[in-house]
Structure formats: C-alpha cells, structure tokens
C-alpha cells in the first residue's frame, strides 16, 4: 500500500482523511513519524500556508506528503477570520473562544453567509500540486451539536438545516470542504498508480 504523510498533528483531521483514503493509502500523521518541530503558519493566504507546510515536511523528513490549510470566510466580516481562523480570538485560542468571538461579531447581523475553504498541497517528486475544496453555508445564531471540531457547531452547510456539529463524519464527508479537496487529491493520485 502506498504511504503518504499528512502534515498535521490534528487527530480530527487525520481521522477525516483516513476515512476518505484508507482503501488506497496508508496515511501517517506527524505524530506517527515522530515529527515535533513547530511549523509557523505565517503566510498571508491559506494556499501559501498549505504549500509552506508540505515543502517543509518533505525537506525535513524526505516523505512524500500533503498539507492542508483551512479557513472560514464570513461575508459580513469581509472574509474574516480566513487565514486566521485557528487563532481568531488569539494565538492559543480554543475553538470555543473562536466561536464566541465570531458569534459576538455577528450578533446583530442578519447576513450569515459563509464558506469553509480548504487548500491541500501535495509535495511529491520535487513538485507541489494544490487542490481546493469549498463548502458554502451560513453561520448559525448558536452552537448546535457537539460532533466535529473547530467552527463545526455554528456552520450550517447550504441546503441543510443542521450544522456540521450535528453530522456524523460520513455525512459531513459527503459535502465538506476538506473532503472535496481530498477527493481531488485522490483522483490525481489514482491516475499516477
């Protein structure tokens, strides 16, 4: 079986990706390969952060790998939190703190249109290829559900009446941004082998 490193320590992301790729690839996390160096996400865009992570892991470990960066873009906030989604309420903010800040900023706003965007960068054979996935939706007025992670309890995908926080992983993976980007990665990799 082909082996790929997913350049993350986030066990929730690894779980999502393994569910999508387990029949074709053995997916290893940074924890699985013992990589504990900090990767500073200091680029101004999601795509640049994704590329930086993939290049860094390939250079430091030699493994073929892919990295993702994801942002929540809210129309009423001019695309915020965007590239700062993980640290929206501060450098070491928890998901709850980020959600609290988001809901507070949208408190009196009826425009709740938002989207999750994921960019995956694959570093293989000295080249970088990127894949993008987008999921359109709205920000709810309160948390709904305790499944998923990050902003999932307040993100309601388009044409749905429940949040990502109320969906099973398999249900979420049918429509989610990361799954869309991963499926593009899978299609690309499948054509290589």
N, C-alpha and C. Protein backbone atom coordinates (compact mmCIF):
# COMPACT_ATOMS: atom_id res chain seq x y z
N UNK A 1 0.85 -1.19 0.00
CA UNK A 1 0.00 0.00 0.00
C UNK A 1 0.88 1.24 0.00
N UNK A 2 0.48 2.24 -0.76
CA UNK A 2 1.24 3.48 -0.83
C UNK A 2 1.11 4.26 0.48
N UNK A 3 2.18 4.91 0.85
CA UNK A 3 2.23 5.63 2.13
C UNK A 3 2.40 7.12 1.88
N UNK A 4 1.61 7.92 2.58
CA UNK A 4 1.70 9.37 2.49
C UNK A 4 1.63 9.95 3.89
N UNK A 5 2.39 11.00 4.12
CA UNK A 5 2.33 11.71 5.39
C UNK A 5 1.37 12.88 5.24
N UNK A 6 0.46 12.99 6.19
CA UNK A 6 -0.43 14.15 6.29
C UNK A 6 0.22 15.08 7.30
N UNK A 7 0.65 16.25 6.85
CA UNK A 7 1.44 17.16 7.68
C UNK A 7 0.57 17.88 8.71
N UNK A 8 0.11 17.11 9.70
CA UNK A 8 -0.69 17.68 10.78
C UNK A 8 -0.54 16.85 12.04
N UNK A 9 -0.79 17.51 13.18
CA UNK A 9 -0.90 16.82 14.47
C UNK A 9 -2.36 16.72 14.88
N UNK A 10 -3.26 17.29 14.08
CA UNK A 10 -4.68 17.35 14.43
C UNK A 10 -5.33 15.98 14.18
N UNK A 11 -5.63 15.27 15.26
CA UNK A 11 -6.17 13.91 15.14
C UNK A 11 -7.54 13.90 14.47
N UNK A 12 -8.31 14.98 14.63
CA UNK A 12 -9.63 15.04 13.98
C UNK A 12 -9.48 15.10 12.46
N UNK A 13 -8.53 15.90 11.99
CA UNK A 13 -8.28 15.98 10.54
C UNK A 13 -7.80 14.63 10.01
N UNK A 14 -6.89 13.99 10.74
CA UNK A 14 -6.34 12.70 10.32
C UNK A 14 -7.47 11.67 10.21
N UNK A 15 -8.37 11.68 11.18
CA UNK A 15 -9.50 10.75 11.17
C UNK A 15 -10.36 10.95 9.93
N UNK A 16 -10.66 12.21 9.60
CA UNK A 16 -11.46 12.52 8.42
C UNK A 16 -10.77 12.01 7.15
N UNK A 17 -9.48 12.28 7.04
CA UNK A 17 -8.74 11.93 5.84
C UNK A 17 -8.56 10.41 5.72
N UNK A 18 -8.29 9.74 6.82
CA UNK A 18 -8.14 8.28 6.77
C UNK A 18 -9.43 7.63 6.29
N UNK A 19 -10.57 8.17 6.71
CA UNK A 19 -11.85 7.60 6.26
C UNK A 19 -11.99 7.72 4.75
N UNK A 20 -11.47 8.79 4.18
CA UNK A 20 -11.58 9.01 2.74
C UNK A 20 -10.54 8.25 1.93
N UNK A 21 -9.36 8.00 2.50
CA UNK A 21 -8.25 7.44 1.74
C UNK A 21 -7.81 6.03 2.14
N UNK A 22 -8.44 5.47 3.16
CA UNK A 22 -7.92 4.23 3.76
C UNK A 22 -7.85 3.06 2.78
N UNK A 23 -8.67 3.02 1.75
CA UNK A 23 -8.63 1.89 0.83
C UNK A 23 -7.45 1.97 -0.14
N UNK A 24 -6.89 3.17 -0.30
CA UNK A 24 -5.82 3.34 -1.29
C UNK A 24 -4.45 3.64 -0.69
N UNK A 25 -4.44 4.27 0.48
CA UNK A 25 -3.18 4.75 1.05
C UNK A 25 -3.13 4.54 2.55
N UNK A 26 -1.90 4.31 3.02
CA UNK A 26 -1.67 4.35 4.46
C UNK A 26 -1.31 5.80 4.79
N UNK A 27 -2.13 6.43 5.62
CA UNK A 27 -1.93 7.83 5.97
C UNK A 27 -1.24 7.91 7.33
N UNK A 28 -0.10 8.56 7.36
CA UNK A 28 0.64 8.76 8.60
C UNK A 28 0.55 10.23 8.99
N UNK A 29 0.35 10.49 10.27
CA UNK A 29 0.35 11.87 10.77
C UNK A 29 1.78 12.25 11.16
N UNK A 30 1.97 13.52 11.51
CA UNK A 30 3.28 13.94 12.00
C UNK A 30 3.62 13.21 13.30
N UNK A 31 2.61 12.93 14.11
CA UNK A 31 2.85 12.16 15.34
C UNK A 31 3.35 10.76 15.01
N UNK A 32 2.77 10.13 13.98
CA UNK A 32 3.16 8.78 13.58
C UNK A 32 4.62 8.69 13.17
N UNK A 33 5.15 9.77 12.57
CA UNK A 33 6.56 9.74 12.13
C UNK A 33 7.49 10.42 13.12
N UNK A 34 6.95 10.85 14.26
CA UNK A 34 7.78 11.46 15.31
C UNK A 34 8.28 12.85 14.98
N UNK A 35 7.54 13.59 14.15
CA UNK A 35 7.94 14.95 13.80
C UNK A 35 7.26 15.93 14.75
N UNK A 36 8.07 16.62 15.56
CA UNK A 36 7.51 17.51 16.57
C UNK A 36 7.94 18.96 16.44
N UNK A 37 8.67 19.30 15.37
CA UNK A 37 9.08 20.69 15.17
C UNK A 37 7.83 21.56 14.95
N UNK A 38 7.91 22.79 15.40
CA UNK A 38 6.83 23.74 15.14
C UNK A 38 6.84 24.15 13.67
N UNK A 39 5.66 24.25 13.10
CA UNK A 39 5.52 24.79 11.75
C UNK A 39 4.74 26.09 11.90
N UNK A 40 5.43 27.19 11.68
CA UNK A 40 4.81 28.50 11.85
C UNK A 40 3.97 28.84 10.62
N UNK A 41 2.69 29.07 10.83
CA UNK A 41 1.80 29.44 9.74
C UNK A 41 1.75 30.97 9.67
N UNK A 42 2.72 31.54 8.95
CA UNK A 42 2.87 32.99 8.93
C UNK A 42 2.63 33.62 7.56
N UNK A 43 2.09 32.84 6.64
CA UNK A 43 1.83 33.36 5.30
C UNK A 43 0.48 34.08 5.27
N UNK A 44 0.29 35.00 4.32
CA UNK A 44 -0.93 35.80 4.28
C UNK A 44 -2.15 35.11 3.68
N UNK A 45 -1.95 33.92 3.07
CA UNK A 45 -3.09 33.22 2.47
C UNK A 45 -3.09 31.75 2.86
N UNK A 46 -4.25 31.14 2.73
CA UNK A 46 -4.41 29.72 3.03
C UNK A 46 -3.53 28.88 2.11
N UNK A 47 -3.51 29.20 0.83
CA UNK A 47 -2.72 28.40 -0.11
C UNK A 47 -1.23 28.47 0.21
N UNK A 48 -0.74 29.64 0.58
CA UNK A 48 0.69 29.78 0.90
C UNK A 48 1.06 29.02 2.16
N UNK A 49 0.19 29.02 3.16
CA UNK A 49 0.46 28.23 4.38
C UNK A 49 0.49 26.74 4.07
N UNK A 50 -0.44 26.30 3.24
CA UNK A 50 -0.51 24.89 2.85
C UNK A 50 0.76 24.46 2.14
N UNK A 51 1.20 25.26 1.18
CA UNK A 51 2.42 24.95 0.43
C UNK A 51 3.64 24.95 1.35
N UNK A 52 3.72 25.93 2.24
CA UNK A 52 4.87 26.01 3.16
C UNK A 52 4.98 24.75 4.00
N UNK A 53 3.85 24.28 4.54
CA UNK A 53 3.87 23.08 5.39
C UNK A 53 4.31 21.85 4.61
N UNK A 54 3.77 21.67 3.41
CA UNK A 54 4.11 20.49 2.60
C UNK A 54 5.60 20.50 2.23
N UNK A 55 6.10 21.65 1.81
CA UNK A 55 7.51 21.75 1.43
C UNK A 55 8.42 21.48 2.62
N UNK A 56 8.07 22.04 3.78
CA UNK A 56 8.89 21.88 4.97
C UNK A 56 8.98 20.41 5.40
N UNK A 57 7.86 19.72 5.42
CA UNK A 57 7.87 18.31 5.83
C UNK A 57 8.65 17.45 4.83
N UNK A 58 8.48 17.70 3.55
CA UNK A 58 9.21 16.94 2.53
C UNK A 58 10.72 17.15 2.70
N UNK A 59 11.13 18.41 2.90
CA UNK A 59 12.56 18.72 3.06
C UNK A 59 13.13 18.08 4.33
N UNK A 60 12.39 18.19 5.44
CA UNK A 60 12.92 17.72 6.73
C UNK A 60 12.83 16.22 6.92
N UNK A 61 11.86 15.55 6.28
CA UNK A 61 11.68 14.11 6.51
C UNK A 61 11.94 13.25 5.29
N UNK A 62 11.85 13.82 4.10
CA UNK A 62 12.01 13.04 2.88
C UNK A 62 10.76 12.32 2.44
N UNK A 63 9.73 12.32 3.28
CA UNK A 63 8.48 11.63 2.94
C UNK A 63 7.68 12.42 1.91
N UNK A 64 7.04 11.70 0.96
CA UNK A 64 6.00 12.33 0.16
C UNK A 64 4.89 12.71 1.14
N UNK A 65 4.36 13.90 0.99
CA UNK A 65 3.38 14.34 1.98
C UNK A 65 2.40 15.33 1.38
N UNK A 66 1.36 15.56 2.14
CA UNK A 66 0.43 16.62 1.79
C UNK A 66 0.08 17.38 3.06
N UNK A 67 -0.25 18.64 2.87
CA UNK A 67 -0.61 19.51 3.99
C UNK A 67 -1.86 20.27 3.60
N UNK A 68 -2.64 20.63 4.59
CA UNK A 68 -3.81 21.43 4.29
C UNK A 68 -3.78 22.70 5.12
N UNK A 69 -4.50 23.67 4.64
CA UNK A 69 -4.83 24.83 5.46
C UNK A 69 -6.28 25.14 5.14
N UNK A 70 -7.01 25.47 6.18
CA UNK A 70 -8.44 25.70 6.05
C UNK A 70 -8.79 27.02 6.70
N UNK A 71 -9.71 27.72 6.09
CA UNK A 71 -10.19 28.96 6.68
C UNK A 71 -11.69 29.07 6.54
N UNK A 72 -12.30 29.74 7.49
CA UNK A 72 -13.72 30.07 7.44
C UNK A 72 -13.82 31.52 6.98
N UNK A 73 -14.52 31.76 5.89
CA UNK A 73 -14.67 33.10 5.35
C UNK A 73 -16.12 33.55 5.53
N UNK A 74 -16.31 34.64 6.25
CA UNK A 74 -17.65 35.15 6.54
C UNK A 74 -17.85 36.45 5.78
N UNK A 75 -18.87 36.49 4.94
CA UNK A 75 -19.09 37.66 4.06
C UNK A 75 -19.25 38.96 4.86
N UNK A 76 -20.05 38.92 5.92
CA UNK A 76 -20.32 40.14 6.70
C UNK A 76 -19.08 40.66 7.40
N UNK A 77 -18.05 39.82 7.51
CA UNK A 77 -16.79 40.22 8.16
C UNK A 77 -15.67 40.39 7.12
N UNK A 78 -16.07 40.65 5.88
CA UNK A 78 -15.10 40.85 4.80
C UNK A 78 -14.11 39.69 4.66
N UNK A 79 -14.62 38.47 4.82
CA UNK A 79 -13.78 37.28 4.65
C UNK A 79 -13.06 36.81 5.90
N UNK A 80 -13.22 37.52 7.01
CA UNK A 80 -12.63 37.05 8.27
C UNK A 80 -13.44 35.86 8.77
N UNK A 81 -12.84 35.02 9.58
CA UNK A 81 -11.46 35.01 10.05
C UNK A 81 -10.43 34.53 9.02
N UNK A 82 -10.88 33.82 7.97
CA UNK A 82 -9.98 33.45 6.88
C UNK A 82 -8.73 32.72 7.34
N UNK A 83 -7.58 33.23 6.91
CA UNK A 83 -6.30 32.60 7.23
C UNK A 83 -6.03 32.58 8.73
N UNK A 84 -6.74 33.41 9.49
CA UNK A 84 -6.56 33.47 10.94
C UNK A 84 -7.60 32.65 11.71
N UNK A 85 -8.30 31.76 11.04
CA UNK A 85 -9.41 31.02 11.66
C UNK A 85 -9.00 30.31 12.95
N UNK A 86 -7.86 29.67 12.94
CA UNK A 86 -7.42 28.89 14.11
C UNK A 86 -7.05 29.79 15.29
N UNK A 87 -6.63 31.00 15.00
CA UNK A 87 -6.18 31.90 16.06
C UNK A 87 -6.98 33.21 16.06
N UNK A 88 -8.26 33.11 15.68
CA UNK A 88 -9.13 34.28 15.54
C UNK A 88 -9.25 35.06 16.84
N UNK A 89 -9.38 34.36 17.96
CA UNK A 89 -9.55 35.01 19.27
C UNK A 89 -8.22 35.13 20.02
N UNK A 90 -7.12 34.82 19.35
CA UNK A 90 -5.80 34.91 19.99
C UNK A 90 -4.94 33.73 19.59
N UNK A 91 -3.65 33.86 19.80
CA UNK A 91 -2.68 32.88 19.34
C UNK A 91 -2.97 31.46 19.82
N UNK A 92 -3.34 31.30 21.08
CA UNK A 92 -3.61 29.98 21.63
C UNK A 92 -5.09 29.79 21.96
N UNK A 93 -5.94 30.46 21.20
CA UNK A 93 -7.38 30.41 21.47
C UNK A 93 -7.94 29.01 21.25
N UNK A 94 -8.92 28.66 22.07
CA UNK A 94 -9.63 27.39 21.90
C UNK A 94 -10.71 27.57 20.83
N UNK A 95 -11.25 26.46 20.36
CA UNK A 95 -12.36 26.53 19.40
C UNK A 95 -13.53 27.30 19.98
N UNK A 96 -13.83 27.06 21.26
CA UNK A 96 -14.94 27.78 21.90
C UNK A 96 -14.70 29.29 21.92
N UNK A 97 -13.47 29.70 22.19
CA UNK A 97 -13.15 31.13 22.21
C UNK A 97 -13.29 31.74 20.81
N UNK A 98 -12.86 30.99 19.79
CA UNK A 98 -13.00 31.47 18.42
C UNK A 98 -14.47 31.60 18.04
N UNK A 99 -15.27 30.60 18.41
CA UNK A 99 -16.71 30.66 18.11
C UNK A 99 -17.36 31.82 18.85
N UNK A 100 -17.01 32.00 20.12
CA UNK A 100 -17.58 33.11 20.90
C UNK A 100 -17.30 34.45 20.22
N UNK A 101 -16.07 34.65 19.75
CA UNK A 101 -15.72 35.90 19.09
C UNK A 101 -16.51 36.07 17.80
N UNK A 102 -16.63 35.00 17.02
CA UNK A 102 -17.37 35.06 15.77
C UNK A 102 -18.83 35.41 16.01
N UNK A 103 -19.48 34.73 16.96
CA UNK A 103 -20.89 35.00 17.24
C UNK A 103 -21.09 36.42 17.77
N UNK A 104 -20.14 36.88 18.57
CA UNK A 104 -20.22 38.25 19.10
C UNK A 104 -20.12 39.27 17.96
N UNK A 105 -19.22 39.04 17.03
CA UNK A 105 -19.05 39.98 15.91
C UNK A 105 -20.26 39.98 14.97
N UNK A 106 -20.99 38.87 14.93
CA UNK A 106 -22.16 38.77 14.06
C UNK A 106 -23.48 39.00 14.80
N UNK A 107 -23.39 39.40 16.07
CA UNK A 107 -24.55 39.42 16.96
C UNK A 107 -25.79 40.09 16.36
N UNK A 108 -25.65 41.25 15.76
CA UNK A 108 -26.81 41.97 15.22
C UNK A 108 -26.84 41.96 13.70
N UNK A 109 -26.21 40.98 13.11
CA UNK A 109 -26.09 40.93 11.66
C UNK A 109 -26.92 39.78 11.11
N UNK A 110 -27.79 40.07 10.15
CA UNK A 110 -28.61 39.01 9.54
C UNK A 110 -27.92 38.36 8.35
N UNK A 111 -26.84 38.97 7.86
CA UNK A 111 -26.06 38.34 6.78
C UNK A 111 -25.13 37.32 7.42
N UNK A 112 -25.47 36.05 7.30
CA UNK A 112 -24.70 34.98 7.93
C UNK A 112 -23.96 34.12 6.89
N UNK A 113 -23.93 34.58 5.64
CA UNK A 113 -23.32 33.80 4.55
C UNK A 113 -21.83 33.59 4.84
N UNK A 114 -21.40 32.33 4.67
CA UNK A 114 -20.01 31.97 4.95
C UNK A 114 -19.63 30.76 4.12
N UNK A 115 -18.34 30.50 4.11
CA UNK A 115 -17.87 29.29 3.44
C UNK A 115 -16.61 28.80 4.14
N UNK A 116 -16.45 27.49 4.14
CA UNK A 116 -15.19 26.88 4.54
C UNK A 116 -14.40 26.62 3.27
N UNK A 117 -13.12 26.96 3.31
CA UNK A 117 -12.24 26.71 2.16
C UNK A 117 -11.01 25.94 2.65
N UNK A 118 -10.71 24.85 1.97
CA UNK A 118 -9.51 24.06 2.26
C UNK A 118 -8.63 24.02 1.02
N UNK A 119 -7.33 24.22 1.22
CA UNK A 119 -6.36 24.01 0.16
C UNK A 119 -5.41 22.91 0.63
N UNK A 120 -5.26 21.89 -0.19
CA UNK A 120 -4.32 20.81 0.10
C UNK A 120 -3.17 20.92 -0.89
N UNK A 121 -1.95 20.87 -0.36
CA UNK A 121 -0.75 20.90 -1.20
C UNK A 121 -0.04 19.56 -1.08
N UNK A 122 0.19 18.93 -2.22
CA UNK A 122 0.89 17.66 -2.28
C UNK A 122 2.33 17.91 -2.71
N UNK A 123 3.27 17.43 -1.90
CA UNK A 123 4.68 17.51 -2.26
C UNK A 123 5.14 16.10 -2.63
N UNK A 124 5.36 15.91 -3.92
CA UNK A 124 5.74 14.59 -4.42
C UNK A 124 6.68 14.78 -5.60
N UNK A 125 7.77 14.05 -5.60
CA UNK A 125 8.74 14.11 -6.70
C UNK A 125 9.18 15.54 -7.01
N UNK A 126 9.48 16.29 -5.97
CA UNK A 126 10.02 17.65 -6.09
C UNK A 126 9.07 18.64 -6.76
N UNK A 127 7.78 18.35 -6.72
CA UNK A 127 6.84 19.35 -7.22
C UNK A 127 5.68 19.49 -6.23
N UNK A 128 5.03 20.64 -6.29
CA UNK A 128 3.88 20.94 -5.44
C UNK A 128 2.65 21.08 -6.32
N UNK A 129 1.61 20.36 -5.96
CA UNK A 129 0.34 20.46 -6.66
C UNK A 129 -0.72 20.78 -5.61
N UNK A 130 -1.61 21.73 -5.92
CA UNK A 130 -2.64 22.13 -4.95
C UNK A 130 -4.03 21.73 -5.42
N UNK A 131 -4.88 21.49 -4.43
CA UNK A 131 -6.27 21.09 -4.65
C UNK A 131 -7.13 21.90 -3.68
N UNK A 132 -8.24 22.45 -4.19
CA UNK A 132 -9.09 23.29 -3.34
C UNK A 132 -10.48 22.69 -3.20
N UNK A 133 -11.03 22.82 -2.00
CA UNK A 133 -12.41 22.41 -1.74
C UNK A 133 -13.13 23.51 -0.99
N UNK A 134 -14.36 23.79 -1.39
CA UNK A 134 -15.16 24.85 -0.77
C UNK A 134 -16.52 24.29 -0.39
N UNK A 135 -16.99 24.67 0.79
CA UNK A 135 -18.35 24.33 1.22
C UNK A 135 -19.05 25.63 1.61
N UNK A 136 -20.09 25.97 0.86
CA UNK A 136 -20.87 27.18 1.14
C UNK A 136 -21.88 26.91 2.25
N UNK A 137 -22.22 27.96 2.98
CA UNK A 137 -23.21 27.80 4.04
C UNK A 137 -23.49 29.09 4.76
N UNK A 138 -23.92 28.96 6.00
CA UNK A 138 -24.25 30.10 6.85
C UNK A 138 -23.77 29.84 8.27
N UNK A 139 -23.58 30.92 9.01
CA UNK A 139 -23.23 30.82 10.43
C UNK A 139 -24.53 30.86 11.23
N UNK A 140 -24.72 29.87 12.08
CA UNK A 140 -25.90 29.83 12.93
C UNK A 140 -25.84 30.89 14.02
N UNK A 141 -26.94 31.04 14.72
CA UNK A 141 -27.01 32.04 15.80
C UNK A 141 -26.53 31.48 17.13
N UNK A 142 -26.37 30.15 17.18
CA UNK A 142 -25.87 29.49 18.40
C UNK A 142 -25.25 28.16 18.03
N UNK A 143 -24.55 27.57 18.96
CA UNK A 143 -23.94 26.26 18.73
C UNK A 143 -25.04 25.20 18.61
N UNK A 144 -24.81 24.28 17.68
CA UNK A 144 -25.74 23.16 17.51
C UNK A 144 -24.91 21.89 17.31
N UNK A 145 -25.01 20.98 18.26
CA UNK A 145 -24.29 19.72 18.16
C UNK A 145 -22.90 19.79 18.75
N UNK A 146 -22.36 18.62 19.05
CA UNK A 146 -21.03 18.56 19.65
C UNK A 146 -20.11 17.60 18.89
N UNK A 147 -20.45 17.33 17.65
CA UNK A 147 -19.58 16.50 16.82
C UNK A 147 -18.63 17.41 16.04
N UNK A 148 -17.64 16.80 15.40
CA UNK A 148 -16.70 17.59 14.61
C UNK A 148 -15.75 18.37 15.48
N UNK A 149 -15.25 19.48 14.94
CA UNK A 149 -14.28 20.30 15.67
C UNK A 149 -14.28 21.70 15.09
N UNK A 150 -13.52 22.59 15.69
CA UNK A 150 -13.42 23.97 15.20
C UNK A 150 -14.77 24.66 15.21
N UNK A 151 -15.11 25.25 14.08
CA UNK A 151 -16.35 26.03 13.94
C UNK A 151 -17.55 25.16 13.57
N UNK A 152 -17.39 23.84 13.54
CA UNK A 152 -18.46 22.94 13.09
C UNK A 152 -19.81 23.18 13.77
N UNK A 153 -19.86 23.45 15.08
CA UNK A 153 -21.18 23.62 15.72
C UNK A 153 -21.96 24.85 15.26
N UNK A 154 -21.31 25.81 14.59
CA UNK A 154 -22.03 27.01 14.14
C UNK A 154 -22.10 27.12 12.62
N UNK A 155 -21.53 26.16 11.90
CA UNK A 155 -21.57 26.23 10.43
C UNK A 155 -22.65 25.32 9.90
N UNK A 156 -23.60 25.92 9.19
CA UNK A 156 -24.72 25.18 8.59
C UNK A 156 -24.52 25.17 7.08
N UNK A 157 -24.19 24.00 6.51
CA UNK A 157 -23.96 23.94 5.07
C UNK A 157 -25.21 24.32 4.27
N UNK A 158 -24.98 24.86 3.10
CA UNK A 158 -26.06 25.26 2.20
C UNK A 158 -26.99 24.07 1.93
N UNK A 159 -28.28 24.35 1.91
CA UNK A 159 -29.33 23.35 1.67
C UNK A 159 -29.43 22.30 2.78
N UNK A 160 -28.93 22.62 3.96
CA UNK A 160 -29.07 21.74 5.12
C UNK A 160 -29.68 22.55 6.26
N UNK A 161 -30.29 21.87 7.20
CA UNK A 161 -30.85 22.58 8.35
C UNK A 161 -30.20 22.15 9.65
N UNK A 162 -29.07 21.46 9.53
CA UNK A 162 -28.28 21.10 10.70
C UNK A 162 -26.83 21.54 10.48
N UNK A 163 -26.12 21.71 11.58
CA UNK A 163 -24.72 22.15 11.49
C UNK A 163 -23.80 20.96 11.26
N UNK A 164 -22.55 21.26 10.90
CA UNK A 164 -21.54 20.20 10.83
C UNK A 164 -21.42 19.52 12.19
N UNK A 165 -21.66 20.27 13.27
CA UNK A 165 -21.57 19.72 14.61
C UNK A 165 -22.64 18.70 14.94
N UNK A 166 -23.64 18.59 14.08
CA UNK A 166 -24.71 17.61 14.27
C UNK A 166 -24.62 16.45 13.29
N UNK A 167 -23.62 16.47 12.41
CA UNK A 167 -23.49 15.44 11.38
C UNK A 167 -22.48 14.38 11.77
N UNK A 168 -22.77 13.15 11.37
CA UNK A 168 -21.77 12.09 11.52
C UNK A 168 -20.62 12.41 10.57
N UNK A 169 -19.48 11.79 10.82
CA UNK A 169 -18.31 12.03 9.97
C UNK A 169 -18.60 11.63 8.53
N UNK A 170 -19.27 10.51 8.34
CA UNK A 170 -19.55 10.07 6.97
C UNK A 170 -20.51 11.02 6.26
N UNK A 171 -21.49 11.56 7.00
CA UNK A 171 -22.42 12.54 6.42
C UNK A 171 -21.68 13.83 6.07
N UNK A 172 -20.83 14.29 6.98
CA UNK A 172 -20.06 15.51 6.74
C UNK A 172 -19.15 15.34 5.52
N UNK A 173 -18.51 14.18 5.40
CA UNK A 173 -17.57 13.94 4.32
C UNK A 173 -18.21 13.90 2.94
N UNK A 174 -19.53 13.83 2.87
CA UNK A 174 -20.22 13.87 1.58
C UNK A 174 -20.22 15.28 0.98
N UNK A 175 -20.11 16.30 1.85
CA UNK A 175 -20.27 17.68 1.37
C UNK A 175 -19.18 18.64 1.81
N UNK A 176 -18.33 18.24 2.72
CA UNK A 176 -17.40 19.18 3.35
C UNK A 176 -16.23 19.58 2.45
N UNK A 177 -15.71 20.75 2.74
CA UNK A 177 -14.58 21.36 2.04
C UNK A 177 -13.35 20.48 1.99
N UNK A 178 -12.96 19.92 3.14
CA UNK A 178 -11.75 19.09 3.18
C UNK A 178 -11.95 17.83 2.34
N UNK A 179 -13.14 17.24 2.43
CA UNK A 179 -13.44 16.04 1.64
C UNK A 179 -13.37 16.35 0.15
N UNK A 180 -13.88 17.51 -0.26
CA UNK A 180 -13.83 17.88 -1.68
C UNK A 180 -12.38 18.01 -2.15
N UNK A 181 -11.55 18.65 -1.34
CA UNK A 181 -10.14 18.80 -1.71
C UNK A 181 -9.44 17.45 -1.71
N UNK A 182 -9.72 16.62 -0.71
CA UNK A 182 -9.11 15.29 -0.63
C UNK A 182 -9.52 14.43 -1.82
N UNK A 183 -10.80 14.52 -2.22
CA UNK A 183 -11.26 13.74 -3.36
C UNK A 183 -10.52 14.13 -4.64
N UNK A 184 -10.21 15.42 -4.78
CA UNK A 184 -9.40 15.86 -5.93
C UNK A 184 -7.98 15.29 -5.84
N UNK A 185 -7.43 15.26 -4.61
CA UNK A 185 -6.12 14.65 -4.40
C UNK A 185 -6.15 13.17 -4.74
N UNK A 186 -7.19 12.48 -4.29
CA UNK A 186 -7.32 11.03 -4.56
C UNK A 186 -7.40 10.78 -6.06
N UNK A 187 -8.22 11.56 -6.76
CA UNK A 187 -8.33 11.39 -8.21
C UNK A 187 -6.97 11.56 -8.88
N UNK A 188 -6.22 12.55 -8.44
CA UNK A 188 -4.91 12.78 -9.01
C UNK A 188 -3.97 11.62 -8.72
N UNK A 189 -3.93 11.17 -7.46
CA UNK A 189 -3.03 10.09 -7.07
C UNK A 189 -3.40 8.78 -7.74
N UNK A 190 -4.69 8.52 -7.89
CA UNK A 190 -5.18 7.30 -8.52
C UNK A 190 -4.69 7.21 -9.95
N UNK A 191 -4.63 8.34 -10.64
CA UNK A 191 -4.17 8.34 -12.02
C UNK A 191 -2.66 8.17 -12.14
N UNK A 192 -1.94 8.34 -10.99
CA UNK A 192 -0.49 8.14 -11.01
C UNK A 192 -0.11 6.67 -10.89
N UNK A 193 -0.98 5.88 -10.23
CA UNK A 193 -0.65 4.48 -9.92
C UNK A 193 -1.44 3.50 -10.75
